Amino acid sequence: MEANAPIHMLDGYEVLDFTQAVAGPTATLMLAAMGAEVIKVELMPNGDLTRAIPLIRNGRSRYFVQHNRGKRPQPATGPWL
């Protein structure tokens, strides 16, 4: 095995995550677990709608944290909004 061989199946891949709710965040969470760098794109000023789901702890929705761990946040702003 080469010294620089990927550790995970999707090492080196980048995925843009525009999803909200259950299915999309769960799917991209699985991609992150397989080694992909997942970039969570959120519309500003409020971000993902699931940030407001109850069960808030330390000012953050547990649901949002559970389904978006391991993802890099990227706010989306621009003339299209």
PDB file of N, CA and C in Angstrom:
ATOM      1  N   MET A   1       0.838  -1.186   0.000  1.00  0.00           N
ATOM      2  CA  MET A   1       0.000   0.000   0.000  1.00  0.00           C
ATOM      3  C   MET A   1       0.879   1.245   0.000  1.00  0.00           C
ATOM      4  N   GLU A   2       0.547   2.218  -0.829  1.00  0.00           N
ATOM      5  CA  GLU A   2       1.334   3.439  -0.931  1.00  0.00           C
ATOM      6  C   GLU A   2       1.194   4.286   0.319  1.00  0.00           C
ATOM      7  N   ALA A   3       2.232   5.063   0.614  1.00  0.00           N
ATOM      8  CA  ALA A   3       2.227   5.905   1.810  1.00  0.00           C
ATOM      9  C   ALA A   3       1.166   6.998   1.729  1.00  0.00           C
ATOM     10  N   ASN A   4       0.869   7.482   0.515  1.00  0.00           N
ATOM     11  CA  ASN A   4      -0.101   8.569   0.354  1.00  0.00           C
ATOM     12  C   ASN A   4      -1.480   8.069  -0.074  1.00  0.00           C
ATOM     13  N   ALA A   5      -1.766   6.802   0.107  1.00  0.00           N
ATOM     14  CA  ALA A   5      -3.059   6.243  -0.301  1.00  0.00           C
ATOM     15  C   ALA A   5      -4.179   6.849   0.543  1.00  0.00           C
ATOM     16  N   PRO A   6      -5.356   7.078  -0.076  1.00  0.00           N
ATOM     17  CA  PRO A   6      -6.479   7.635   0.685  1.00  0.00           C
ATOM     18  C   PRO A   6      -6.889   6.725   1.830  1.00  0.00           C
ATOM     19  N   ILE A   7      -7.260   7.330   2.940  1.00  0.00           N
ATOM     20  CA  ILE A   7      -7.724   6.580   4.097  1.00  0.00           C
ATOM     21  C   ILE A   7      -9.205   6.240   3.942  1.00  0.00           C
ATOM     22  N   HIS A   8      -9.960   7.156   3.349  1.00  0.00           N
ATOM     23  CA  HIS A   8     -11.395   6.964   3.152  1.00  0.00           C
ATOM     24  C   HIS A   8     -11.712   6.924   1.660  1.00  0.00           C
ATOM     25  N   MET A   9     -12.826   6.343   1.341  1.00  0.00           N
ATOM     26  CA  MET A   9     -13.232   6.159  -0.051  1.00  0.00           C
ATOM     27  C   MET A   9     -13.351   7.484  -0.818  1.00  0.00           C
ATOM     28  N   LEU A  10     -13.832   8.542  -0.166  1.00  0.00           N
ATOM     29  CA  LEU A  10     -14.064   9.803  -0.866  1.00  0.00           C
ATOM     30  C   LEU A  10     -13.048  10.889  -0.519  1.00  0.00           C
ATOM     31  N   ASP A  11     -11.898  10.517   0.019  1.00  0.00           N
ATOM     32  CA  ASP A  11     -10.844  11.505   0.285  1.00  0.00           C
ATOM     33  C   ASP A  11     -10.510  12.250  -0.999  1.00  0.00           C
ATOM     34  N   GLY A  12     -10.386  13.578  -0.896  1.00  0.00           N
ATOM     35  CA  GLY A  12     -10.033  14.380  -2.056  1.00  0.00           C
ATOM     36  C   GLY A  12     -11.229  14.929  -2.812  1.00  0.00           C
ATOM     37  N   TYR A  13     -12.435  14.468  -2.491  1.00  0.00           N
ATOM     38  CA  TYR A  13     -13.645  14.972  -3.146  1.00  0.00           C
ATOM     39  C   TYR A  13     -14.233  16.122  -2.337  1.00  0.00           C
ATOM     40  N   GLU A  14     -14.785  17.119  -3.045  1.00  0.00           N
ATOM     41  CA  GLU A  14     -15.505  18.207  -2.400  1.00  0.00           C
ATOM     42  C   GLU A  14     -16.955  18.138  -2.839  1.00  0.00           C
ATOM     43  N   VAL A  15     -17.874  18.336  -1.905  1.00  0.00           N
ATOM     44  CA  VAL A  15     -19.307  18.274  -2.176  1.00  0.00           C
ATOM     45  C   VAL A  15     -19.933  19.562  -1.682  1.00  0.00           C
ATOM     46  N   LEU A  16     -20.705  20.230  -2.540  1.00  0.00           N
ATOM     47  CA  LEU A  16     -21.475  21.393  -2.115  1.00  0.00           C
ATOM     48  C   LEU A  16     -22.835  20.913  -1.643  1.00  0.00           C
ATOM     49  N   ASP A  17     -23.195  21.277  -0.433  1.00  0.00           N
ATOM     50  CA  ASP A  17     -24.455  20.850   0.179  1.00  0.00           C
ATOM     51  C   ASP A  17     -25.407  22.035   0.253  1.00  0.00           C
ATOM     52  N   PHE A  18     -26.421  22.030  -0.614  1.00  0.00           N
ATOM     53  CA  PHE A  18     -27.459  23.065  -0.616  1.00  0.00           C
ATOM     54  C   PHE A  18     -28.741  22.554   0.042  1.00  0.00           C
ATOM     55  N   THR A  19     -28.690  21.407   0.708  1.00  0.00           N
ATOM     56  CA  THR A  19     -29.887  20.742   1.197  1.00  0.00           C
ATOM     57  C   THR A  19     -30.368  21.302   2.525  1.00  0.00           C
ATOM     58  N   GLN A  20     -31.660  21.020   2.818  1.00  0.00           N
ATOM     59  CA  GLN A  20     -32.262  21.335   4.108  1.00  0.00           C
ATOM     60  C   GLN A  20     -33.198  20.193   4.454  1.00  0.00           C
ATOM     61  N   ALA A  21     -33.615  20.106   5.684  1.00  0.00           N
ATOM     62  CA  ALA A  21     -34.534  19.084   6.186  1.00  0.00           C
ATOM     63  C   ALA A  21     -33.812  17.761   6.387  1.00  0.00           C
ATOM     64  N   VAL A  22     -34.458  16.624   6.143  1.00  0.00           N
ATOM     65  CA  VAL A  22     -33.926  15.343   6.605  1.00  0.00           C
ATOM     66  C   VAL A  22     -33.053  14.629   5.582  1.00  0.00           C
ATOM     67  N   ALA A  23     -33.573  14.301   4.434  1.00  0.00           N
ATOM     68  CA  ALA A  23     -32.886  13.406   3.491  1.00  0.00           C
ATOM     69  C   ALA A  23     -31.553  13.972   2.995  1.00  0.00           C
ATOM     70  N   GLY A  24     -31.543  15.209   2.557  1.00  0.00           N
ATOM     71  CA  GLY A  24     -30.321  15.793   2.008  1.00  0.00           C
ATOM     72  C   GLY A  24     -29.200  15.896   3.020  1.00  0.00           C
ATOM     73  N   PRO A  25     -29.441  16.500   4.207  1.00  0.00           N
ATOM     74  CA  PRO A  25     -28.380  16.573   5.200  1.00  0.00           C
ATOM     75  C   PRO A  25     -27.885  15.202   5.657  1.00  0.00           C
ATOM     76  N   THR A  26     -28.784  14.222   5.716  1.00  0.00           N
ATOM     77  CA  THR A  26     -28.366  12.876   6.094  1.00  0.00           C
ATOM     78  C   THR A  26     -27.462  12.273   5.026  1.00  0.00           C
ATOM     79  N   ALA A  27     -27.806  12.456   3.762  1.00  0.00           N
ATOM     80  CA  ALA A  27     -26.991  11.926   2.661  1.00  0.00           C
ATOM     81  C   ALA A  27     -25.608  12.579   2.642  1.00  0.00           C
ATOM     82  N   THR A  28     -25.550  13.900   2.793  1.00  0.00           N
ATOM     83  CA  THR A  28     -24.244  14.564   2.765  1.00  0.00           C
ATOM     84  C   THR A  28     -23.446  14.273   4.031  1.00  0.00           C
ATOM     85  N   LEU A  29     -24.113  13.974   5.146  1.00  0.00           N
ATOM     86  CA  LEU A  29     -23.416  13.532   6.355  1.00  0.00           C
ATOM     87  C   LEU A  29     -22.705  12.217   6.086  1.00  0.00           C
ATOM     88  N   MET A  30     -23.360  11.319   5.353  1.00  0.00           N
ATOM     89  CA  MET A  30     -22.736  10.040   4.998  1.00  0.00           C
ATOM     90  C   MET A  30     -21.531  10.253   4.084  1.00  0.00           C
ATOM     91  N   LEU A  31     -21.648  11.203   3.149  1.00  0.00           N
ATOM     92  CA  LEU A  31     -20.509  11.499   2.271  1.00  0.00           C
ATOM     93  C   LEU A  31     -19.327  12.031   3.077  1.00  0.00           C
ATOM     94  N   ALA A  32     -19.619  12.887   4.070  1.00  0.00           N
ATOM     95  CA  ALA A  32     -18.559  13.412   4.936  1.00  0.00           C
ATOM     96  C   ALA A  32     -17.908  12.276   5.729  1.00  0.00           C
ATOM     97  N   ALA A  33     -18.717  11.327   6.191  1.00  0.00           N
ATOM     98  CA  ALA A  33     -18.181  10.196   6.946  1.00  0.00           C
ATOM     99  C   ALA A  33     -17.284   9.315   6.076  1.00  0.00           C
ATOM    100  N   MET A  34     -17.514   9.334   4.751  1.00  0.00           N
ATOM    101  CA  MET A  34     -16.685   8.546   3.827  1.00  0.00           C
ATOM    102  C   MET A  34     -15.474   9.325   3.339  1.00  0.00           C
ATOM    103  N   GLY A  35     -15.245  10.533   3.905  1.00  0.00           N
ATOM    104  CA  GLY A  35     -14.025  11.262   3.612  1.00  0.00           C
ATOM    105  C   GLY A  35     -14.164  12.487   2.737  1.00  0.00           C
ATOM    106  N   ALA A  36     -15.341  12.743   2.158  1.00  0.00           N
ATOM    107  CA  ALA A  36     -15.511  13.924   1.309  1.00  0.00           C
ATOM    108  C   ALA A  36     -15.501  15.185   2.165  1.00  0.00           C
ATOM    109  N   GLU A  37     -14.992  16.272   1.600  1.00  0.00           N
ATOM    110  CA  GLU A  37     -15.101  17.563   2.266  1.00  0.00           C
ATOM    111  C   GLU A  37     -16.446  18.149   1.851  1.00  0.00           C
ATOM    112  N   VAL A  38     -17.373  18.250   2.789  1.00  0.00           N
ATOM    113  CA  VAL A  38     -18.714  18.743   2.501  1.00  0.00           C
ATOM    114  C   VAL A  38     -18.791  20.200   2.915  1.00  0.00           C
ATOM    115  N   ILE A  39     -19.194  21.046   1.976  1.00  0.00           N
ATOM    116  CA  ILE A  39     -19.328  22.472   2.219  1.00  0.00           C
ATOM    117  C   ILE A  39     -20.817  22.788   2.291  1.00  0.00           C
ATOM    118  N   LYS A  40     -21.300  23.120   3.487  1.00  0.00           N
ATOM    119  CA  LYS A  40     -22.711  23.402   3.734  1.00  0.00           C
ATOM    120  C   LYS A  40     -22.981  24.848   3.354  1.00  0.00           C
ATOM    121  N   VAL A  41     -23.718  25.062   2.250  1.00  0.00           N
ATOM    122  CA  VAL A  41     -24.036  26.402   1.773  1.00  0.00           C
ATOM    123  C   VAL A  41     -25.394  26.800   2.348  1.00  0.00           C
ATOM    124  N   GLU A  42     -25.425  27.933   3.043  1.00  0.00           N
ATOM    125  CA  GLU A  42     -26.655  28.398   3.676  1.00  0.00           C
ATOM    126  C   GLU A  42     -26.983  29.812   3.229  1.00  0.00           C
ATOM    127  N   LEU A  43     -28.266  30.042   2.959  1.00  0.00           N
ATOM    128  CA  LEU A  43     -28.716  31.376   2.586  1.00  0.00           C
ATOM    129  C   LEU A  43     -28.718  32.278   3.815  1.00  0.00           C
ATOM    130  N   MET A  44     -28.213  33.463   3.659  1.00  0.00           N
ATOM    131  CA  MET A  44     -28.154  34.416   4.753  1.00  0.00           C
ATOM    132  C   MET A  44     -29.378  35.323   4.688  1.00  0.00           C
ATOM    133  N   PRO A  45     -29.871  35.890   5.732  1.00  0.00           N
ATOM    134  CA  PRO A  45     -29.197  36.074   7.016  1.00  0.00           C
ATOM    135  C   PRO A  45     -29.483  34.978   8.033  1.00  0.00           C
ATOM    136  N   ASN A  46     -30.459  34.105   7.800  1.00  0.00           N
ATOM    137  CA  ASN A  46     -30.861  33.145   8.827  1.00  0.00           C
ATOM    138  C   ASN A  46     -30.217  31.770   8.696  1.00  0.00           C
ATOM    139  N   GLY A  47     -29.679  31.437   7.552  1.00  0.00           N
ATOM    140  CA  GLY A  47     -29.067  30.133   7.374  1.00  0.00           C
ATOM    141  C   GLY A  47     -30.097  29.037   7.168  1.00  0.00           C
ATOM    142  N   ASP A  48     -29.698  27.816   7.403  1.00  0.00           N
ATOM    143  CA  ASP A  48     -30.555  26.643   7.238  1.00  0.00           C
ATOM    144  C   ASP A  48     -31.781  26.753   8.140  1.00  0.00           C
ATOM    145  N   LEU A  49     -32.939  26.383   7.611  1.00  0.00           N
ATOM    146  CA  LEU A  49     -34.181  26.448   8.383  1.00  0.00           C
ATOM    147  C   LEU A  49     -34.140  25.557   9.618  1.00  0.00           C
ATOM    148  N   THR A  50     -33.372  24.470   9.574  1.00  0.00           N
ATOM    149  CA  THR A  50     -33.338  23.551  10.709  1.00  0.00           C
ATOM    150  C   THR A  50     -32.589  24.116  11.908  1.00  0.00           C
ATOM    151  N   ARG A  51     -31.933  25.252  11.752  1.00  0.00           N
ATOM    152  CA  ARG A  51     -31.280  25.889  12.904  1.00  0.00           C
ATOM    153  C   ARG A  51     -32.306  26.313  13.948  1.00  0.00           C
ATOM    154  N   ALA A  52     -33.567  26.517  13.528  1.00  0.00           N
ATOM    155  CA  ALA A  52     -34.612  26.995  14.435  1.00  0.00           C
ATOM    156  C   ALA A  52     -35.449  25.868  15.037  1.00  0.00           C
ATOM    157  N   ILE A  53     -35.168  24.617  14.695  1.00  0.00           N
ATOM    158  CA  ILE A  53     -35.928  23.497  15.255  1.00  0.00           C
ATOM    159  C   ILE A  53     -35.698  23.448  16.760  1.00  0.00           C
ATOM    160  N   PRO A  54     -36.771  23.219  17.523  1.00  0.00           N
ATOM    161  CA  PRO A  54     -36.622  23.167  18.986  1.00  0.00           C
ATOM    162  C   PRO A  54     -35.588  22.135  19.444  1.00  0.00           C
ATOM    163  N   LEU A  55     -35.439  21.999  20.729  1.00  0.00           N
ATOM    164  CA  LEU A  55     -34.386  21.245  21.395  1.00  0.00           C
ATOM    165  C   LEU A  55     -33.064  21.992  21.231  1.00  0.00           C
ATOM    166  N   ILE A  56     -33.138  23.270  21.508  1.00  0.00           N
ATOM    167  CA  ILE A  56     -31.961  24.133  21.437  1.00  0.00           C
ATOM    168  C   ILE A  56     -31.105  23.906  22.680  1.00  0.00           C
ATOM    169  N   ARG A  57     -29.822  23.747  22.466  1.00  0.00           N
ATOM    170  CA  ARG A  57     -28.875  23.613  23.578  1.00  0.00           C
ATOM    171  C   ARG A  57     -27.671  24.485  23.266  1.00  0.00           C
ATOM    172  N   ASN A  58     -27.292  25.293  24.208  1.00  0.00           N
ATOM    173  CA  ASN A  58     -26.175  26.229  24.022  1.00  0.00           C
ATOM    174  C   ASN A  58     -26.396  27.114  22.800  1.00  0.00           C
ATOM    175  N   GLY A  59     -27.670  27.479  22.549  1.00  0.00           N
ATOM    176  CA  GLY A  59     -27.991  28.369  21.439  1.00  0.00           C
ATOM    177  C   GLY A  59     -27.990  27.713  20.073  1.00  0.00           C
ATOM    178  N   ARG A  60     -27.871  26.381  20.018  1.00  0.00           N
ATOM    179  CA  ARG A  60     -27.836  25.676  18.733  1.00  0.00           C
ATOM    180  C   ARG A  60     -28.849  24.538  18.743  1.00  0.00           C
ATOM    181  N   SER A  61     -29.492  24.331  17.601  1.00  0.00           N
ATOM    182  CA  SER A  61     -30.443  23.240  17.462  1.00  0.00           C
ATOM    183  C   SER A  61     -29.700  21.909  17.460  1.00  0.00           C
ATOM    184  N   ARG A  62     -30.120  20.993  18.321  1.00  0.00           N
ATOM    185  CA  ARG A  62     -29.480  19.673  18.346  1.00  0.00           C
ATOM    186  C   ARG A  62     -29.648  18.965  17.008  1.00  0.00           C
ATOM    187  N   TYR A  63     -30.829  19.133  16.410  1.00  0.00           N
ATOM    188  CA  TYR A  63     -31.084  18.507  15.107  1.00  0.00           C
ATOM    189  C   TYR A  63     -30.073  19.001  14.077  1.00  0.00           C
ATOM    190  N   PHE A  64     -29.886  20.326  14.012  1.00  0.00           N
ATOM    191  CA  PHE A  64     -28.956  20.899  13.037  1.00  0.00           C
ATOM    192  C   PHE A  64     -27.540  20.378  13.267  1.00  0.00           C
ATOM    193  N   VAL A  65     -27.098  20.376  14.512  1.00  0.00           N
ATOM    194  CA  VAL A  65     -25.743  19.920  14.829  1.00  0.00           C
ATOM    195  C   VAL A  65     -25.573  18.451  14.463  1.00  0.00           C
ATOM    196  N   GLN A  66     -26.574  17.630  14.782  1.00  0.00           N
ATOM    197  CA  GLN A  66     -26.492  16.195  14.506  1.00  0.00           C
ATOM    198  C   GLN A  66     -26.373  15.916  13.009  1.00  0.00           C
ATOM    199  N   HIS A  67     -27.123  16.632  12.183  1.00  0.00           N
ATOM    200  CA  HIS A  67     -27.155  16.347  10.749  1.00  0.00           C
ATOM    201  C   HIS A  67     -26.104  17.111   9.943  1.00  0.00           C
ATOM    202  N   ASN A  68     -25.400  18.039  10.577  1.00  0.00           N
ATOM    203  CA  ASN A  68     -24.424  18.828   9.826  1.00  0.00           C
ATOM    204  C   ASN A  68     -23.026  18.797  10.424  1.00  0.00           C
ATOM    205  N   ARG A  69     -22.770  17.838  11.305  1.00  0.00           N
ATOM    206  CA  ARG A  69     -21.422  17.734  11.878  1.00  0.00           C
ATOM    207  C   ARG A  69     -20.436  17.305  10.783  1.00  0.00           C
ATOM    208  N   GLY A  70     -19.240  17.800  10.896  1.00  0.00           N
ATOM    209  CA  GLY A  70     -18.203  17.439   9.931  1.00  0.00           C
ATOM    210  C   GLY A  70     -18.293  18.201   8.620  1.00  0.00           C
ATOM    211  N   LYS A  71     -19.185  19.191   8.545  1.00  0.00           N
ATOM    212  CA  LYS A  71     -19.332  19.980   7.313  1.00  0.00           C
ATOM    213  C   LYS A  71     -18.774  21.369   7.546  1.00  0.00           C
ATOM    214  N   ARG A  72     -18.235  21.951   6.498  1.00  0.00           N
ATOM    215  CA  ARG A  72     -17.705  23.304   6.586  1.00  0.00           C
ATOM    216  C   ARG A  72     -18.803  24.298   6.196  1.00  0.00           C
ATOM    217  N   PRO A  73     -19.174  25.239   7.066  1.00  0.00           N
ATOM    218  CA  PRO A  73     -20.231  26.188   6.722  1.00  0.00           C
ATOM    219  C   PRO A  73     -19.746  27.240   5.720  1.00  0.00           C
ATOM    220  N   GLN A  74     -20.632  27.637   4.820  1.00  0.00           N
ATOM    221  CA  GLN A  74     -20.324  28.680   3.846  1.00  0.00           C
ATOM    222  C   GLN A  74     -21.584  29.518   3.647  1.00  0.00           C
ATOM    223  N   PRO A  75     -21.610  30.753   4.161  1.00  0.00           N
ATOM    224  CA  PRO A  75     -22.792  31.589   3.938  1.00  0.00           C
ATOM    225  C   PRO A  75     -22.885  32.014   2.479  1.00  0.00           C
ATOM    226  N   ALA A  76     -24.095  32.030   1.946  1.00  0.00           N
ATOM    227  CA  ALA A  76     -24.323  32.442   0.555  1.00  0.00           C
ATOM    228  C   ALA A  76     -25.001  33.806   0.556  1.00  0.00           C
ATOM    229  N   THR A  77     -24.310  34.778  -0.004  1.00  0.00           N
ATOM    230  CA  THR A  77     -24.884  36.096  -0.179  1.00  0.00           C
ATOM    231  C   THR A  77     -24.605  36.527  -1.600  1.00  0.00           C
ATOM    232  N   GLY A  78     -25.449  37.379  -2.125  1.00  0.00           N
ATOM    233  CA  GLY A  78     -25.225  37.842  -3.477  1.00  0.00           C
ATOM    234  C   GLY A  78     -26.469  38.465  -4.070  1.00  0.00           C
ATOM    235  N   PRO A  79     -26.383  38.909  -5.303  1.00  0.00           N
ATOM    236  CA  PRO A  79     -27.500  39.610  -5.941  1.00  0.00           C
ATOM    237  C   PRO A  79     -28.695  38.692  -6.245  1.00  0.00           C
ATOM    238  N   TRP A  80     -28.515  37.389  -6.224  1.00  0.00           N
ATOM    239  CA  TRP A  80     -29.606  36.472  -6.539  1.00  0.00           C
ATOM    240  C   TRP A  80     -30.576  36.310  -5.379  1.00  0.00           C
ATOM    241  N   LEU A  81     -30.237  36.821  -4.185  1.00  0.00           N
ATOM    242  CA  LEU A  81     -31.097  36.645  -3.021  1.00  0.00           C
ATOM    243  C   LEU A  81     -32.202  37.655  -2.971  1.00  0.00           C
TER     244      LEU A  81
END
